């Protein structure tokens, strides 16, 4: 499992690649805790996560590769706080 965190504080404008990420063979589930338009902050407490990703794999390297594959397609666009 990996918690999805915002890299900085701001307004979440789009979530891209969700269907593609969920379609990856190793992905068991992706749960989002936010929707576009919400104010987001970096993950420093449970309520601040964007969501989480669950992947399956037999070995640690395969799990890391799966999480990296999700990271390559699942994109969150955040407007910098101004």
PDB file of N, CA and C in Angstrom:
ATOM      1  N   UNK A   1       0.842  -1.177   0.000  1.00  0.00           N
ATOM      2  CA  UNK A   1       0.000   0.000   0.000  1.00  0.00           C
ATOM      3  C   UNK A   1       0.882   1.234   0.000  1.00  0.00           C
ATOM      4  N   UNK A   2       0.449   2.233  -0.733  1.00  0.00           N
ATOM      5  CA  UNK A   2       1.141   3.518  -0.719  1.00  0.00           C
ATOM      6  C   UNK A   2       0.103   4.623  -0.568  1.00  0.00           C
ATOM      7  N   UNK A   3       0.383   5.534   0.362  1.00  0.00           N
ATOM      8  CA  UNK A   3      -0.452   6.715   0.516  1.00  0.00           C
ATOM      9  C   UNK A   3      -0.098   7.685  -0.599  1.00  0.00           C
ATOM     10  N   UNK A   4      -1.112   8.304  -1.181  1.00  0.00           N
ATOM     11  CA  UNK A   4      -0.894   9.307  -2.216  1.00  0.00           C
ATOM     12  C   UNK A   4      -0.926  10.670  -1.536  1.00  0.00           C
ATOM     13  N   UNK A   5       0.130  11.428  -1.722  1.00  0.00           N
ATOM     14  CA  UNK A   5       0.281  12.721  -1.052  1.00  0.00           C
ATOM     15  C   UNK A   5       0.422  13.849  -2.060  1.00  0.00           C
ATOM     16  N   UNK A   6      -0.063  15.003  -1.691  1.00  0.00           N
ATOM     17  CA  UNK A   6       0.155  16.202  -2.496  1.00  0.00           C
ATOM     18  C   UNK A   6       1.590  16.683  -2.267  1.00  0.00           C
ATOM     19  N   UNK A   7       2.286  17.093  -3.320  1.00  0.00           N
ATOM     20  CA  UNK A   7       3.656  17.570  -3.140  1.00  0.00           C
ATOM     21  C   UNK A   7       3.726  18.945  -2.481  1.00  0.00           C
ATOM     22  N   UNK A   8       2.620  19.701  -2.577  1.00  0.00           N
ATOM     23  CA  UNK A   8       2.560  21.033  -1.974  1.00  0.00           C
ATOM     24  C   UNK A   8       1.098  21.406  -1.774  1.00  0.00           C
ATOM     25  N   UNK A   9       0.872  22.442  -1.023  1.00  0.00           N
ATOM     26  CA  UNK A   9      -0.479  22.918  -0.738  1.00  0.00           C
ATOM     27  C   UNK A   9      -1.049  23.653  -1.943  1.00  0.00           C
ATOM     28  N   UNK A  10      -2.315  23.473  -2.193  1.00  0.00           N
ATOM     29  CA  UNK A  10      -2.960  24.186  -3.291  1.00  0.00           C
ATOM     30  C   UNK A  10      -4.329  23.623  -3.589  1.00  0.00           C
ATOM     31  N   UNK A  11      -4.866  24.013  -4.733  1.00  0.00           N
ATOM     32  CA  UNK A  11      -6.186  23.559  -5.161  1.00  0.00           C
ATOM     33  C   UNK A  11      -6.018  22.439  -6.178  1.00  0.00           C
ATOM     34  N   UNK A  12      -6.609  21.285  -5.904  1.00  0.00           N
ATOM     35  CA  UNK A  12      -6.583  20.159  -6.834  1.00  0.00           C
ATOM     36  C   UNK A  12      -7.491  20.501  -8.009  1.00  0.00           C
ATOM     37  N   UNK A  13      -6.928  20.506  -9.214  1.00  0.00           N
ATOM     38  CA  UNK A  13      -7.738  20.870 -10.377  1.00  0.00           C
ATOM     39  C   UNK A  13      -8.124  19.666 -11.227  1.00  0.00           C
ATOM     40  N   UNK A  14      -7.227  18.700 -11.379  1.00  0.00           N
ATOM     41  CA  UNK A  14      -7.556  17.509 -12.176  1.00  0.00           C
ATOM     42  C   UNK A  14      -6.898  16.265 -11.607  1.00  0.00           C
ATOM     43  N   UNK A  15      -7.522  15.139 -11.909  1.00  0.00           N
ATOM     44  CA  UNK A  15      -6.952  13.822 -11.620  1.00  0.00           C
ATOM     45  C   UNK A  15      -6.925  13.095 -12.954  1.00  0.00           C
ATOM     46  N   UNK A  16      -5.743  12.779 -13.431  1.00  0.00           N
ATOM     47  CA  UNK A  16      -5.610  12.123 -14.729  1.00  0.00           C
ATOM     48  C   UNK A  16      -5.059  10.719 -14.599  1.00  0.00           C
ATOM     49  N   UNK A  17      -5.423   9.858 -15.525  1.00  0.00           N
ATOM     50  CA  UNK A  17      -4.864   8.512 -15.591  1.00  0.00           C
ATOM     51  C   UNK A  17      -5.457   7.518 -14.616  1.00  0.00           C
ATOM     52  N   UNK A  18      -6.561   7.860 -13.976  1.00  0.00           N
ATOM     53  CA  UNK A  18      -7.131   6.965 -12.973  1.00  0.00           C
ATOM     54  C   UNK A  18      -7.572   5.640 -13.586  1.00  0.00           C
ATOM     55  N   UNK A  19      -8.282   5.683 -14.690  1.00  0.00           N
ATOM     56  CA  UNK A  19      -8.735   4.439 -15.337  1.00  0.00           C
ATOM     57  C   UNK A  19      -7.544   3.590 -15.770  1.00  0.00           C
ATOM     58  N   UNK A  20      -6.516   4.233 -16.322  1.00  0.00           N
ATOM     59  CA  UNK A  20      -5.320   3.501 -16.757  1.00  0.00           C
ATOM     60  C   UNK A  20      -4.606   2.864 -15.578  1.00  0.00           C
ATOM     61  N   UNK A  21      -4.498   3.588 -14.471  1.00  0.00           N
ATOM     62  CA  UNK A  21      -3.837   3.051 -13.283  1.00  0.00           C
ATOM     63  C   UNK A  21      -4.623   1.872 -12.725  1.00  0.00           C
ATOM     64  N   UNK A  22      -5.941   2.002 -12.664  1.00  0.00           N
ATOM     65  CA  UNK A  22      -6.766   0.906 -12.141  1.00  0.00           C
ATOM     66  C   UNK A  22      -6.711  -0.324 -13.045  1.00  0.00           C
ATOM     67  N   UNK A  23      -6.424  -0.133 -14.336  1.00  0.00           N
ATOM     68  CA  UNK A  23      -6.371  -1.241 -15.286  1.00  0.00           C
ATOM     69  C   UNK A  23      -5.066  -2.028 -15.232  1.00  0.00           C
ATOM     70  N   UNK A  24      -4.066  -1.523 -14.531  1.00  0.00           N
ATOM     71  CA  UNK A  24      -2.797  -2.252 -14.428  1.00  0.00           C
ATOM     72  C   UNK A  24      -3.035  -3.570 -13.704  1.00  0.00           C
ATOM     73  N   UNK A  25      -2.430  -4.657 -14.212  1.00  0.00           N
ATOM     74  CA  UNK A  25      -2.658  -5.999 -13.670  1.00  0.00           C
ATOM     75  C   UNK A  25      -2.393  -6.121 -12.175  1.00  0.00           C
ATOM     76  N   UNK A  26      -1.400  -5.426 -11.690  1.00  0.00           N
ATOM     77  CA  UNK A  26      -0.997  -5.581 -10.291  1.00  0.00           C
ATOM     78  C   UNK A  26      -1.791  -4.722  -9.319  1.00  0.00           C
ATOM     79  N   UNK A  27      -2.637  -3.844  -9.832  1.00  0.00           N
ATOM     80  CA  UNK A  27      -3.382  -2.938  -8.959  1.00  0.00           C
ATOM     81  C   UNK A  27      -4.613  -3.651  -8.402  1.00  0.00           C
ATOM     82  N   UNK A  28      -4.683  -3.728  -7.074  1.00  0.00           N
ATOM     83  CA  UNK A  28      -5.850  -4.312  -6.407  1.00  0.00           C
ATOM     84  C   UNK A  28      -6.926  -3.254  -6.213  1.00  0.00           C
ATOM     85  N   UNK A  29      -6.520  -2.031  -5.889  1.00  0.00           N
ATOM     86  CA  UNK A  29      -7.493  -0.965  -5.673  1.00  0.00           C
ATOM     87  C   UNK A  29      -6.788   0.385  -5.604  1.00  0.00           C
ATOM     88  N   UNK A  30      -7.507   1.408  -5.997  1.00  0.00           N
ATOM     89  CA  UNK A  30      -7.079   2.790  -5.796  1.00  0.00           C
ATOM     90  C   UNK A  30      -8.273   3.499  -5.166  1.00  0.00           C
ATOM     91  N   UNK A  31      -8.039   4.065  -4.002  1.00  0.00           N
ATOM     92  CA  UNK A  31      -9.094   4.778  -3.287  1.00  0.00           C
ATOM     93  C   UNK A  31      -8.686   6.240  -3.201  1.00  0.00           C
ATOM     94  N   UNK A  32      -9.556   7.117  -3.708  1.00  0.00           N
ATOM     95  CA  UNK A  32      -9.279   8.543  -3.642  1.00  0.00           C
ATOM     96  C   UNK A  32     -10.081   9.166  -2.512  1.00  0.00           C
ATOM     97  N   UNK A  33      -9.461  10.109  -1.819  1.00  0.00           N
ATOM     98  CA  UNK A  33     -10.108  10.798  -0.703  1.00  0.00           C
ATOM     99  C   UNK A  33     -10.425  12.243  -1.057  1.00  0.00           C
ATOM    100  N   UNK A  34     -10.147  12.630  -2.300  1.00  0.00           N
ATOM    101  CA  UNK A  34     -10.346  14.016  -2.739  1.00  0.00           C
ATOM    102  C   UNK A  34     -10.999  14.042  -4.115  1.00  0.00           C
ATOM    103  N   UNK A  35     -11.537  15.201  -4.455  1.00  0.00           N
ATOM    104  CA  UNK A  35     -12.080  15.434  -5.786  1.00  0.00           C
ATOM    105  C   UNK A  35     -11.571  16.793  -6.269  1.00  0.00           C
ATOM    106  N   UNK A  36     -11.540  16.987  -7.593  1.00  0.00           N
ATOM    107  CA  UNK A  36     -11.103  18.288  -8.099  1.00  0.00           C
ATOM    108  C   UNK A  36     -11.913  19.423  -7.477  1.00  0.00           C
ATOM    109  N   UNK A  37     -11.199  20.510  -7.212  1.00  0.00           N
ATOM    110  CA  UNK A  37     -11.797  21.677  -6.575  1.00  0.00           C
ATOM    111  C   UNK A  37     -11.464  21.782  -5.100  1.00  0.00           C
ATOM    112  N   UNK A  38     -11.006  20.690  -4.518  1.00  0.00           N
ATOM    113  CA  UNK A  38     -10.679  20.696  -3.090  1.00  0.00           C
ATOM    114  C   UNK A  38      -9.296  21.285  -2.834  1.00  0.00           C
ATOM    115  N   UNK A  39      -9.148  21.856  -1.654  1.00  0.00           N
ATOM    116  CA  UNK A  39      -7.854  22.344  -1.175  1.00  0.00           C
ATOM    117  C   UNK A  39      -7.101  21.142  -0.611  1.00  0.00           C
ATOM    118  N   UNK A  40      -5.850  20.956  -1.031  1.00  0.00           N
ATOM    119  CA  UNK A  40      -5.052  19.822  -0.569  1.00  0.00           C
ATOM    120  C   UNK A  40      -3.753  20.318   0.057  1.00  0.00           C
ATOM    121  N   UNK A  41      -3.216  19.487   0.929  1.00  0.00           N
ATOM    122  CA  UNK A  41      -1.947  19.788   1.604  1.00  0.00           C
ATOM    123  C   UNK A  41      -1.102  18.523   1.610  1.00  0.00           C
ATOM    124  N   UNK A  42       0.213  18.636   1.789  1.00  0.00           N
ATOM    125  CA  UNK A  42       1.045  17.446   1.885  1.00  0.00           C
ATOM    126  C   UNK A  42       0.597  16.540   3.043  1.00  0.00           C
ATOM    127  N   UNK A  43       0.861  15.268   2.899  1.00  0.00           N
ATOM    128  CA  UNK A  43       0.436  14.256   3.871  1.00  0.00           C
ATOM    129  C   UNK A  43       1.283  14.345   5.141  1.00  0.00           C
ATOM    130  N   UNK A  44       0.695  14.910   6.174  1.00  0.00           N
ATOM    131  CA  UNK A  44       1.346  14.955   7.483  1.00  0.00           C
ATOM    132  C   UNK A  44       0.436  14.389   8.562  1.00  0.00           C
ATOM    133  N   UNK A  45      -0.805  14.079   8.177  1.00  0.00           N
ATOM    134  CA  UNK A  45      -1.788  13.468   9.074  1.00  0.00           C
ATOM    135  C   UNK A  45      -2.766  12.681   8.215  1.00  0.00           C
ATOM    136  N   UNK A  46      -3.502  11.772   8.824  1.00  0.00           N
ATOM    137  CA  UNK A  46      -4.373  10.860   8.071  1.00  0.00           C
ATOM    138  C   UNK A  46      -5.361  11.578   7.169  1.00  0.00           C
ATOM    139  N   UNK A  47      -5.927  12.673   7.613  1.00  0.00           N
ATOM    140  CA  UNK A  47      -6.926  13.378   6.824  1.00  0.00           C
ATOM    141  C   UNK A  47      -6.370  14.170   5.663  1.00  0.00           C
ATOM    142  N   UNK A  48      -5.057  14.210   5.516  1.00  0.00           N
ATOM    143  CA  UNK A  48      -4.442  15.025   4.468  1.00  0.00           C
ATOM    144  C   UNK A  48      -4.032  14.228   3.237  1.00  0.00           C
ATOM    145  N   UNK A  49      -4.342  12.955   3.176  1.00  0.00           N
ATOM    146  CA  UNK A  49      -3.931  12.165   2.009  1.00  0.00           C
ATOM    147  C   UNK A  49      -4.877  12.387   0.834  1.00  0.00           C
ATOM    148  N   UNK A  50      -4.343  12.252  -0.373  1.00  0.00           N
ATOM    149  CA  UNK A  50      -5.168  12.297  -1.572  1.00  0.00           C
ATOM    150  C   UNK A  50      -5.900  10.970  -1.752  1.00  0.00           C
ATOM    151  N   UNK A  51      -5.341   9.925  -1.207  1.00  0.00           N
ATOM    152  CA  UNK A  51      -5.910   8.587  -1.297  1.00  0.00           C
ATOM    153  C   UNK A  51      -4.822   7.570  -1.061  1.00  0.00           C
ATOM    154  N   UNK A  52      -5.060   6.346  -1.534  1.00  0.00           N
ATOM    155  CA  UNK A  52      -4.026   5.327  -1.433  1.00  0.00           C
ATOM    156  C   UNK A  52      -4.173   4.306  -2.549  1.00  0.00           C
ATOM    157  N   UNK A  53      -3.068   3.605  -2.792  1.00  0.00           N
ATOM    158  CA  UNK A  53      -2.989   2.590  -3.840  1.00  0.00           C
ATOM    159  C   UNK A  53      -2.645   1.264  -3.187  1.00  0.00           C
ATOM    160  N   UNK A  54      -3.371   0.218  -3.554  1.00  0.00           N
ATOM    161  CA  UNK A  54      -3.060  -1.143  -3.114  1.00  0.00           C
ATOM    162  C   UNK A  54      -2.624  -1.941  -4.332  1.00  0.00           C
ATOM    163  N   UNK A  55      -1.450  -2.561  -4.248  1.00  0.00           N
ATOM    164  CA  UNK A  55      -0.986  -3.413  -5.340  1.00  0.00           C
ATOM    165  C   UNK A  55      -0.678  -4.798  -4.788  1.00  0.00           C
ATOM    166  N   UNK A  56      -0.630  -5.756  -5.689  1.00  0.00           N
ATOM    167  CA  UNK A  56      -0.298  -7.123  -5.283  1.00  0.00           C
ATOM    168  C   UNK A  56       0.952  -7.579  -6.034  1.00  0.00           C
ATOM    169  N   UNK A  57       1.716  -8.419  -5.369  1.00  0.00           N
ATOM    170  CA  UNK A  57       2.930  -8.954  -5.969  1.00  0.00           C
ATOM    171  C   UNK A  57       3.558  -9.962  -5.040  1.00  0.00           C
ATOM    172  N   UNK A  58       4.366 -10.845  -5.601  1.00  0.00           N
ATOM    173  CA  UNK A  58       4.980 -11.903  -4.805  1.00  0.00           C
ATOM    174  C   UNK A  58       6.270 -11.467  -4.124  1.00  0.00           C
ATOM    175  N   UNK A  59       6.941 -10.480  -4.673  1.00  0.00           N
ATOM    176  CA  UNK A  59       8.236 -10.069  -4.149  1.00  0.00           C
ATOM    177  C   UNK A  59       8.311  -8.554  -4.064  1.00  0.00           C
ATOM    178  N   UNK A  60       9.113  -8.069  -3.145  1.00  0.00           N
ATOM    179  CA  UNK A  60       9.234  -6.621  -2.930  1.00  0.00           C
ATOM    180  C   UNK A  60       9.600  -5.866  -4.213  1.00  0.00           C
ATOM    181  N   UNK A  61      10.557  -6.320  -5.007  1.00  0.00           N
ATOM    182  CA  UNK A  61      10.874  -5.574  -6.230  1.00  0.00           C
ATOM    183  C   UNK A  61       9.680  -5.454  -7.179  1.00  0.00           C
ATOM    184  N   UNK A  62       8.866  -6.492  -7.278  1.00  0.00           N
ATOM    185  CA  UNK A  62       7.686  -6.442  -8.153  1.00  0.00           C
ATOM    186  C   UNK A  62       6.667  -5.447  -7.618  1.00  0.00           C
ATOM    187  N   UNK A  63       6.532  -5.382  -6.320  1.00  0.00           N
ATOM    188  CA  UNK A  63       5.597  -4.438  -5.705  1.00  0.00           C
ATOM    189  C   UNK A  63       6.060  -3.004  -5.955  1.00  0.00           C
ATOM    190  N   UNK A  64       7.349  -2.769  -5.787  1.00  0.00           N
ATOM    191  CA  UNK A  64       7.891  -1.422  -6.049  1.00  0.00           C
ATOM    192  C   UNK A  64       7.686  -1.055  -7.509  1.00  0.00           C
ATOM    193  N   UNK A  65       7.932  -1.993  -8.417  1.00  0.00           N
ATOM    194  CA  UNK A  65       7.716  -1.731  -9.841  1.00  0.00           C
ATOM    195  C   UNK A  65       6.248  -1.396 -10.121  1.00  0.00           C
ATOM    196  N   UNK A  66       5.336  -2.098  -9.456  1.00  0.00           N
ATOM    197  CA  UNK A  66       3.905  -1.844  -9.632  1.00  0.00           C
ATOM    198  C   UNK A  66       3.527  -0.453  -9.144  1.00  0.00           C
ATOM    199  N   UNK A  67       4.027  -0.068  -7.998  1.00  0.00           N
ATOM    200  CA  UNK A  67       3.748   1.267  -7.468  1.00  0.00           C
ATOM    201  C   UNK A  67       4.336   2.340  -8.380  1.00  0.00           C
ATOM    202  N   UNK A  68       5.525   2.087  -8.911  1.00  0.00           N
ATOM    203  CA  UNK A  68       6.131   3.032  -9.855  1.00  0.00           C
ATOM    204  C   UNK A  68       5.298   3.151 -11.130  1.00  0.00           C
ATOM    205  N   UNK A  69       4.720   2.034 -11.593  1.00  0.00           N
ATOM    206  CA  UNK A  69       3.872   2.063 -12.787  1.00  0.00           C
ATOM    207  C   UNK A  69       2.632   2.915 -12.533  1.00  0.00           C
ATOM    208  N   UNK A  70       2.063   2.800 -11.343  1.00  0.00           N
ATOM    209  CA  UNK A  70       0.912   3.638 -10.993  1.00  0.00           C
ATOM    210  C   UNK A  70       1.331   5.103 -10.985  1.00  0.00           C
ATOM    211  N   UNK A  71       2.476   5.392 -10.378  1.00  0.00           N
ATOM    212  CA  UNK A  71       2.968   6.777 -10.327  1.00  0.00           C
ATOM    213  C   UNK A  71       3.170   7.365 -11.722  1.00  0.00           C
ATOM    214  N   UNK A  72       3.514   6.511 -12.688  1.00  0.00           N
ATOM    215  CA  UNK A  72       3.792   7.020 -14.036  1.00  0.00           C
ATOM    216  C   UNK A  72       2.517   7.397 -14.789  1.00  0.00           C
ATOM    217  N   UNK A  73       1.363   6.867 -14.397  1.00  0.00           N
ATOM    218  CA  UNK A  73       0.130   7.183 -15.120  1.00  0.00           C
ATOM    219  C   UNK A  73      -0.876   8.001 -14.314  1.00  0.00           C
ATOM    220  N   UNK A  74      -0.864   7.891 -13.007  1.00  0.00           N
ATOM    221  CA  UNK A  74      -1.819   8.618 -12.173  1.00  0.00           C
ATOM    222  C   UNK A  74      -1.242   9.989 -11.839  1.00  0.00           C
ATOM    223  N   UNK A  75      -1.907  11.026 -12.316  1.00  0.00           N
ATOM    224  CA  UNK A  75      -1.377  12.384 -12.162  1.00  0.00           C
ATOM    225  C   UNK A  75      -2.415  13.308 -11.528  1.00  0.00           C
ATOM    226  N   UNK A  76      -1.972  14.085 -10.571  1.00  0.00           N
ATOM    227  CA  UNK A  76      -2.794  15.067  -9.899  1.00  0.00           C
ATOM    228  C   UNK A  76      -2.253  16.455 -10.261  1.00  0.00           C
ATOM    229  N   UNK A  77      -3.117  17.322 -10.775  1.00  0.00           N
ATOM    230  CA  UNK A  77      -2.714  18.671 -11.088  1.00  0.00           C
ATOM    231  C   UNK A  77      -3.186  19.571  -9.955  1.00  0.00           C
ATOM    232  N   UNK A  78      -2.241  20.294  -9.368  1.00  0.00           N
ATOM    233  CA  UNK A  78      -2.527  21.154  -8.224  1.00  0.00           C
ATOM    234  C   UNK A  78      -2.059  22.555  -8.558  1.00  0.00           C
ATOM    235  N   UNK A  79      -2.971  23.511  -8.411  1.00  0.00           N
ATOM    236  CA  UNK A  79      -2.605  24.924  -8.581  1.00  0.00           C
ATOM    237  C   UNK A  79      -1.881  25.368  -7.323  1.00  0.00           C
ATOM    238  N   UNK A  80      -0.711  25.904  -7.510  1.00  0.00           N
ATOM    239  CA  UNK A  80       0.070  26.402  -6.389  1.00  0.00           C
ATOM    240  C   UNK A  80      -0.734  27.451  -5.634  1.00  0.00           C
ATOM    241  N   UNK A  81      -0.606  27.430  -4.329  1.00  0.00           N
ATOM    242  CA  UNK A  81      -1.315  28.469  -3.530  1.00  0.00           C
ATOM    243  C   UNK A  81      -0.740  29.819  -3.895  1.00  0.00           C
ATOM    244  N   UNK A  82      -1.598  30.725  -4.159  1.00  0.00           N
ATOM    245  CA  UNK A  82      -1.167  32.069  -4.571  1.00  0.00           C
ATOM    246  C   UNK A  82      -1.733  33.083  -3.602  1.00  0.00           C
TER     247      UNK A  82
END
